Amino acid sequence: TVDAFLPAAKGVQALQQQGVVGVVLGCTEL
């Protein structure tokens, strides 16, 4: 789980750059 943070964070940041107001952690591992 510690190794999962960086790629997940990069995914949120990539979506933020597309102007989203919210991000769904749409897999129960996320």
PDB file of all heavy atoms in Angstrom:
ATOM      1  N   THR A   1       0.807  -1.212   0.000  1.00  0.00           N
ATOM      2  CA  THR A   1       0.000   0.000   0.000  1.00  0.00           C
ATOM      3  C   THR A   1       0.848   1.273   0.000  1.00  0.00           C
ATOM      4  O   THR A   1       0.445   2.280  -0.582  1.00  0.00           O
ATOM      5  CB  THR A   1      -0.951   0.015   1.210  1.00  0.00           C
ATOM      6  OG1 THR A   1      -0.201  -0.216   2.403  1.00  0.00           O
ATOM      7  CG2 THR A   1      -2.006  -1.068   1.080  1.00  0.00           C
ATOM      8  N   VAL A   2       2.013   1.228   0.628  1.00  0.00           N
ATOM      9  CA  VAL A   2       2.889   2.412   0.631  1.00  0.00           C
ATOM     10  C   VAL A   2       3.326   2.740  -0.789  1.00  0.00           C
ATOM     11  O   VAL A   2       3.358   3.909  -1.204  1.00  0.00           O
ATOM     12  CB  VAL A   2       4.105   2.188   1.548  1.00  0.00           C
ATOM     13  CG1 VAL A   2       5.086   3.349   1.425  1.00  0.00           C
ATOM     14  CG2 VAL A   2       3.650   2.046   3.003  1.00  0.00           C
ATOM     15  N   ASP A   3       3.641   1.708  -1.571  1.00  0.00           N
ATOM     16  CA  ASP A   3       4.073   1.923  -2.953  1.00  0.00           C
ATOM     17  C   ASP A   3       2.930   2.413  -3.834  1.00  0.00           C
ATOM     18  O   ASP A   3       3.180   2.944  -4.924  1.00  0.00           O
ATOM     19  CB  ASP A   3       4.620   0.618  -3.537  1.00  0.00           C
ATOM     20  CG  ASP A   3       5.872   0.133  -2.833  1.00  0.00           C
ATOM     21  OD1 ASP A   3       6.567   0.967  -2.218  1.00  0.00           O
ATOM     22  OD2 ASP A   3       6.151  -1.082  -2.876  1.00  0.00           O
ATOM     23  N   ALA A   4       1.702   2.245  -3.403  1.00  0.00           N
ATOM     24  CA  ALA A   4       0.551   2.625  -4.220  1.00  0.00           C
ATOM     25  C   ALA A   4       0.288   4.125  -4.200  1.00  0.00           C
ATOM     26  O   ALA A   4      -0.385   4.650  -5.101  1.00  0.00           O
ATOM     27  CB  ALA A   4      -0.694   1.877  -3.741  1.00  0.00           C
ATOM     28  N   PHE A   5       0.791   4.821  -3.194  1.00  0.00           N
ATOM     29  CA  PHE A   5       0.426   6.237  -3.054  1.00  0.00           C
ATOM     30  C   PHE A   5       0.902   7.077  -4.226  1.00  0.00           C
ATOM     31  O   PHE A   5       0.123   7.865  -4.798  1.00  0.00           O
ATOM     32  CB  PHE A   5       0.977   6.828  -1.754  1.00  0.00           C
ATOM     33  CG  PHE A   5       0.690   8.299  -1.632  1.00  0.00           C
ATOM     34  CD1 PHE A   5      -0.571   8.748  -1.285  1.00  0.00           C
ATOM     35  CD2 PHE A   5       1.669   9.246  -1.911  1.00  0.00           C
ATOM     36  CE1 PHE A   5      -0.860  10.108  -1.189  1.00  0.00           C
ATOM     37  CE2 PHE A   5       1.399  10.605  -1.826  1.00  0.00           C
ATOM     38  CZ  PHE A   5       0.133  11.035  -1.460  1.00  0.00           C
ATOM     39  N   LEU A   6       2.151   6.955  -4.616  1.00  0.00           N
ATOM     40  CA  LEU A   6       2.703   7.837  -5.649  1.00  0.00           C
ATOM     41  C   LEU A   6       1.955   7.717  -6.972  1.00  0.00           C
ATOM     42  O   LEU A   6       1.542   8.745  -7.532  1.00  0.00           O
ATOM     43  CB  LEU A   6       4.198   7.577  -5.834  1.00  0.00           C
ATOM     44  CG  LEU A   6       4.917   8.526  -6.812  1.00  0.00           C
ATOM     45  CD1 LEU A   6       4.747   9.972  -6.371  1.00  0.00           C
ATOM     46  CD2 LEU A   6       6.403   8.156  -6.908  1.00  0.00           C
ATOM     47  N   PRO A   7       1.746   6.510  -7.524  1.00  0.00           N
ATOM     48  CA  PRO A   7       0.987   6.465  -8.778  1.00  0.00           C
ATOM     49  C   PRO A   7      -0.446   6.952  -8.624  1.00  0.00           C
ATOM     50  O   PRO A   7      -0.974   7.632  -9.523  1.00  0.00           O
ATOM     51  CB  PRO A   7       1.044   4.989  -9.182  1.00  0.00           C
ATOM     52  CG  PRO A   7       1.424   4.244  -7.957  1.00  0.00           C
ATOM     53  CD  PRO A   7       2.260   5.178  -7.146  1.00  0.00           C
ATOM     54  N   ALA A   8      -1.092   6.638  -7.503  1.00  0.00           N
ATOM     55  CA  ALA A   8      -2.459   7.114  -7.304  1.00  0.00           C
ATOM     56  C   ALA A   8      -2.500   8.639  -7.231  1.00  0.00           C
ATOM     57  O   ALA A   8      -3.374   9.282  -7.822  1.00  0.00           O
ATOM     58  CB  ALA A   8      -3.047   6.504  -6.041  1.00  0.00           C
ATOM     59  N   ALA A   9      -1.550   9.226  -6.519  1.00  0.00           N
ATOM     60  CA  ALA A   9      -1.478  10.689  -6.418  1.00  0.00           C
ATOM     61  C   ALA A   9      -1.260  11.329  -7.775  1.00  0.00           C
ATOM     62  O   ALA A   9      -1.864  12.362  -8.104  1.00  0.00           O
ATOM     63  CB  ALA A   9      -0.370  11.082  -5.451  1.00  0.00           C
ATOM     64  N   LYS A  10      -0.410  10.719  -8.582  1.00  0.00           N
ATOM     65  CA  LYS A  10      -0.175  11.243  -9.928  1.00  0.00           C
ATOM     66  C   LYS A  10      -1.448  11.186 -10.771  1.00  0.00           C
ATOM     67  O   LYS A  10      -1.705  12.077 -11.587  1.00  0.00           O
ATOM     68  CB  LYS A  10       0.945  10.460 -10.604  1.00  0.00           C
ATOM     69  CG  LYS A  10       2.337  10.770 -10.050  1.00  0.00           C
ATOM     70  CD  LYS A  10       3.413  10.001 -10.807  1.00  0.00           C
ATOM     71  CE  LYS A  10       4.818  10.370 -10.312  1.00  0.00           C
ATOM     72  NZ  LYS A  10       5.875   9.603 -11.018  1.00  0.00           N
ATOM     73  N   GLY A  11      -2.251  10.155 -10.561  1.00  0.00           N
ATOM     74  CA  GLY A  11      -3.520  10.070 -11.275  1.00  0.00           C
ATOM     75  C   GLY A  11      -4.472  11.184 -10.889  1.00  0.00           C
ATOM     76  O   GLY A  11      -5.107  11.801 -11.756  1.00  0.00           O
ATOM     77  N   VAL A  12      -4.575  11.466  -9.591  1.00  0.00           N
ATOM     78  CA  VAL A  12      -5.422  12.572  -9.135  1.00  0.00           C
ATOM     79  C   VAL A  12      -4.919  13.892  -9.716  1.00  0.00           C
ATOM     80  O   VAL A  12      -5.702  14.718 -10.216  1.00  0.00           O
ATOM     81  CB  VAL A  12      -5.456  12.630  -7.600  1.00  0.00           C
ATOM     82  CG1 VAL A  12      -6.203  13.879  -7.132  1.00  0.00           C
ATOM     83  CG2 VAL A  12      -6.099  11.378  -7.022  1.00  0.00           C
ATOM     84  N   GLN A  13      -3.612  14.099  -9.683  1.00  0.00           N
ATOM     85  CA  GLN A  13      -3.038  15.343 -10.193  1.00  0.00           C
ATOM     86  C   GLN A  13      -3.265  15.504 -11.684  1.00  0.00           C
ATOM     87  O   GLN A  13      -3.525  16.611 -12.178  1.00  0.00           O
ATOM     88  CB  GLN A  13      -1.556  15.383  -9.847  1.00  0.00           C
ATOM     89  CG  GLN A  13      -1.286  15.538  -8.346  1.00  0.00           C
ATOM     90  CD  GLN A  13       0.096  15.116  -7.923  1.00  0.00           C
ATOM     91  OE1 GLN A  13       0.890  14.626  -8.737  1.00  0.00           O
ATOM     92  NE2 GLN A  13       0.413  15.284  -6.640  1.00  0.00           N
ATOM     93  N   ALA A  14      -3.179  14.408 -12.436  1.00  0.00           N
ATOM     94  CA  ALA A  14      -3.425  14.469 -13.878  1.00  0.00           C
ATOM     95  C   ALA A  14      -4.857  14.901 -14.160  1.00  0.00           C
ATOM     96  O   ALA A  14      -5.122  15.685 -15.083  1.00  0.00           O
ATOM     97  CB  ALA A  14      -3.134  13.116 -14.517  1.00  0.00           C
ATOM     98  N   LEU A  15      -5.794  14.406 -13.369  1.00  0.00           N
ATOM     99  CA  LEU A  15      -7.191  14.804 -13.541  1.00  0.00           C
ATOM    100  C   LEU A  15      -7.420  16.240 -13.094  1.00  0.00           C
ATOM    101  O   LEU A  15      -8.201  16.978 -13.706  1.00  0.00           O
ATOM    102  CB  LEU A  15      -8.097  13.842 -12.776  1.00  0.00           C
ATOM    103  CG  LEU A  15      -8.239  12.453 -13.409  1.00  0.00           C
ATOM    104  CD1 LEU A  15      -8.835  11.457 -12.427  1.00  0.00           C
ATOM    105  CD2 LEU A  15      -9.083  12.522 -14.677  1.00  0.00           C
ATOM    106  N   GLN A  16      -6.730  16.666 -12.040  1.00  0.00           N
ATOM    107  CA  GLN A  16      -6.836  18.059 -11.618  1.00  0.00           C
ATOM    108  C   GLN A  16      -6.417  19.011 -12.737  1.00  0.00           C
ATOM    109  O   GLN A  16      -7.010  20.079 -12.911  1.00  0.00           O
ATOM    110  CB  GLN A  16      -5.959  18.310 -10.386  1.00  0.00           C
ATOM    111  CG  GLN A  16      -6.553  17.798  -9.081  1.00  0.00           C
ATOM    112  CD  GLN A  16      -5.688  18.187  -7.894  1.00  0.00           C
ATOM    113  OE1 GLN A  16      -4.828  17.426  -7.468  1.00  0.00           O
ATOM    114  NE2 GLN A  16      -5.922  19.371  -7.370  1.00  0.00           N
ATOM    115  N   GLN A  17      -5.419  18.622 -13.493  1.00  0.00           N
ATOM    116  CA  GLN A  17      -4.950  19.455 -14.598  1.00  0.00           C
ATOM    117  C   GLN A  17      -5.993  19.577 -15.705  1.00  0.00           C
ATOM    118  O   GLN A  17      -5.900  20.474 -16.547  1.00  0.00           O
ATOM    119  CB  GLN A  17      -3.645  18.888 -15.163  1.00  0.00           C
ATOM    120  CG  GLN A  17      -2.468  19.018 -14.204  1.00  0.00           C
ATOM    121  CD  GLN A  17      -1.218  18.295 -14.673  1.00  0.00           C
ATOM    122  OE1 GLN A  17      -1.202  17.707 -15.759  1.00  0.00           O
ATOM    123  NE2 GLN A  17      -0.164  18.329 -13.878  1.00  0.00           N
ATOM    124  N   GLN A  18      -6.986  18.700 -15.679  1.00  0.00           N
ATOM    125  CA  GLN A  18      -8.081  18.768 -16.648  1.00  0.00           C
ATOM    126  C   GLN A  18      -9.276  19.550 -16.099  1.00  0.00           C
ATOM    127  O   GLN A  18     -10.346  19.554 -16.701  1.00  0.00           O
ATOM    128  CB  GLN A  18      -8.512  17.367 -17.062  1.00  0.00           C
ATOM    129  CG  GLN A  18      -7.436  16.598 -17.837  1.00  0.00           C
ATOM    130  CD  GLN A  18      -7.928  15.239 -18.292  1.00  0.00           C
ATOM    131  OE1 GLN A  18      -7.606  14.210 -17.697  1.00  0.00           O
ATOM    132  NE2 GLN A  18      -8.713  15.220 -19.361  1.00  0.00           N
ATOM    133  N   GLY A  19      -9.086  20.206 -14.978  1.00  0.00           N
ATOM    134  CA  GLY A  19     -10.099  21.103 -14.450  1.00  0.00           C
ATOM    135  C   GLY A  19     -11.245  20.447 -13.720  1.00  0.00           C
ATOM    136  O   GLY A  19     -12.348  21.017 -13.639  1.00  0.00           O
ATOM    137  N   VAL A  20     -11.005  19.279 -13.135  1.00  0.00           N
ATOM    138  CA  VAL A  20     -12.093  18.614 -12.408  1.00  0.00           C
ATOM    139  C   VAL A  20     -12.280  19.266 -11.040  1.00  0.00           C
ATOM    140  O   VAL A  20     -11.344  19.823 -10.467  1.00  0.00           O
ATOM    141  CB  VAL A  20     -11.827  17.106 -12.255  1.00  0.00           C
ATOM    142  CG1 VAL A  20     -11.657  16.449 -13.622  1.00  0.00           C
ATOM    143  CG2 VAL A  20     -10.615  16.830 -11.372  1.00  0.00           C
ATOM    144  N   VAL A  21     -13.498  19.174 -10.532  1.00  0.00           N
ATOM    145  CA  VAL A  21     -13.789  19.675  -9.177  1.00  0.00           C
ATOM    146  C   VAL A  21     -13.811  18.539  -8.164  1.00  0.00           C
ATOM    147  O   VAL A  21     -13.822  18.772  -6.954  1.00  0.00           O
ATOM    148  CB  VAL A  21     -15.123  20.443  -9.143  1.00  0.00           C
ATOM    149  CG1 VAL A  21     -15.045  21.690 -10.007  1.00  0.00           C
ATOM    150  CG2 VAL A  21     -16.292  19.556  -9.581  1.00  0.00           C
ATOM    151  N   GLY A  22     -13.835  17.317  -8.661  1.00  0.00           N
ATOM    152  CA  GLY A  22     -13.829  16.149  -7.793  1.00  0.00           C
ATOM    153  C   GLY A  22     -13.236  14.965  -8.518  1.00  0.00           C
ATOM    154  O   GLY A  22     -13.224  14.918  -9.754  1.00  0.00           O
ATOM    155  N   VAL A  23     -12.724  14.016  -7.758  1.00  0.00           N
ATOM    156  CA  VAL A  23     -12.159  12.795  -8.321  1.00  0.00           C
ATOM    157  C   VAL A  23     -12.769  11.604  -7.602  1.00  0.00           C
ATOM    158  O   VAL A  23     -12.780  11.543  -6.365  1.00  0.00           O
ATOM    159  CB  VAL A  23     -10.624  12.751  -8.206  1.00  0.00           C
ATOM    160  CG1 VAL A  23     -10.081  11.382  -8.639  1.00  0.00           C
ATOM    161  CG2 VAL A  23      -9.982  13.862  -9.035  1.00  0.00           C
ATOM    162  N   VAL A  24     -13.278  10.659  -8.381  1.00  0.00           N
ATOM    163  CA  VAL A  24     -13.838   9.419  -7.845  1.00  0.00           C
ATOM    164  C   VAL A  24     -12.724   8.387  -7.715  1.00  0.00           C
ATOM    165  O   VAL A  24     -12.065   8.054  -8.707  1.00  0.00           O
ATOM    166  CB  VAL A  24     -14.934   8.876  -8.785  1.00  0.00           C
ATOM    167  CG1 VAL A  24     -15.411   7.511  -8.298  1.00  0.00           C
ATOM    168  CG2 VAL A  24     -16.092   9.853  -8.889  1.00  0.00           C
ATOM    169  N   LEU A  25     -12.498   7.899  -6.524  1.00  0.00           N
ATOM    170  CA  LEU A  25     -11.597   6.761  -6.310  1.00  0.00           C
ATOM    171  C   LEU A  25     -12.441   5.516  -6.548  1.00  0.00           C
ATOM    172  O   LEU A  25     -12.900   4.851  -5.627  1.00  0.00           O
ATOM    173  CB  LEU A  25     -11.003   6.805  -4.905  1.00  0.00           C
ATOM    174  CG  LEU A  25     -10.211   8.075  -4.564  1.00  0.00           C
ATOM    175  CD1 LEU A  25      -9.694   8.028  -3.129  1.00  0.00           C
ATOM    176  CD2 LEU A  25      -9.055   8.285  -5.546  1.00  0.00           C
ATOM    177  N   GLY A  26     -12.631   5.223  -7.847  1.00  0.00           N
ATOM    178  CA  GLY A  26     -13.629   4.277  -8.295  1.00  0.00           C
ATOM    179  C   GLY A  26     -13.163   2.845  -8.409  1.00  0.00           C
ATOM    180  O   GLY A  26     -13.650   2.108  -9.270  1.00  0.00           O
ATOM    181  N   CYS A  27     -12.243   2.463  -7.588  1.00  0.00           N
ATOM    182  CA  CYS A  27     -11.874   1.071  -7.370  1.00  0.00           C
ATOM    183  C   CYS A  27     -11.597   0.980  -5.885  1.00  0.00           C
ATOM    184  O   CYS A  27     -10.965   1.891  -5.321  1.00  0.00           O
ATOM    185  CB  CYS A  27     -10.633   0.679  -8.178  1.00  0.00           C
ATOM    186  SG  CYS A  27      -9.972  -0.952  -7.760  1.00  0.00           S
ATOM    187  N   THR A  28     -12.052  -0.062  -5.218  1.00  0.00           N
ATOM    188  CA  THR A  28     -11.937  -0.081  -3.758  1.00  0.00           C
ATOM    189  C   THR A  28     -10.510  -0.311  -3.272  1.00  0.00           C
ATOM    190  O   THR A  28     -10.262  -0.243  -2.064  1.00  0.00           O
ATOM    191  CB  THR A  28     -12.887  -1.133  -3.150  1.00  0.00           C
ATOM    192  OG1 THR A  28     -12.794  -2.363  -3.863  1.00  0.00           O
ATOM    193  CG2 THR A  28     -14.325  -0.632  -3.181  1.00  0.00           C
ATOM    194  N   GLU A  29      -9.556  -0.521  -4.184  1.00  0.00           N
ATOM    195  CA  GLU A  29      -8.143  -0.471  -3.793  1.00  0.00           C
ATOM    196  C   GLU A  29      -7.633   0.971  -3.714  1.00  0.00           C
ATOM    197  O   GLU A  29      -6.693   1.262  -2.954  1.00  0.00           O
ATOM    198  CB  GLU A  29      -7.273  -1.261  -4.778  1.00  0.00           C
ATOM    199  CG  GLU A  29      -7.152  -2.741  -4.477  1.00  0.00           C
ATOM    200  CD  GLU A  29      -8.419  -3.516  -4.758  1.00  0.00           C
ATOM    201  OE1 GLU A  29      -9.086  -3.235  -5.770  1.00  0.00           O
ATOM    202  OE2 GLU A  29      -8.759  -4.409  -3.958  1.00  0.00           O
ATOM    203  N   LEU A  30      -8.217   1.870  -4.482  1.00  0.00           N
ATOM    204  CA  LEU A  30      -7.681   3.236  -4.555  1.00  0.00           C
ATOM    205  C   LEU A  30      -7.816   4.024  -3.250  1.00  0.00           C
ATOM    206  O   LEU A  30      -6.909   4.785  -2.900  1.00  0.00           O
ATOM    207  CB  LEU A  30      -8.326   3.988  -5.726  1.00  0.00           C
ATOM    208  CG  LEU A  30      -7.904   3.468  -7.109  1.00  0.00           C
ATOM    209  CD1 LEU A  30      -8.744   4.115  -8.208  1.00  0.00           C
ATOM    210  CD2 LEU A  30      -6.412   3.740  -7.351  1.00  0.00           C
TER     211      LEU A  30
END
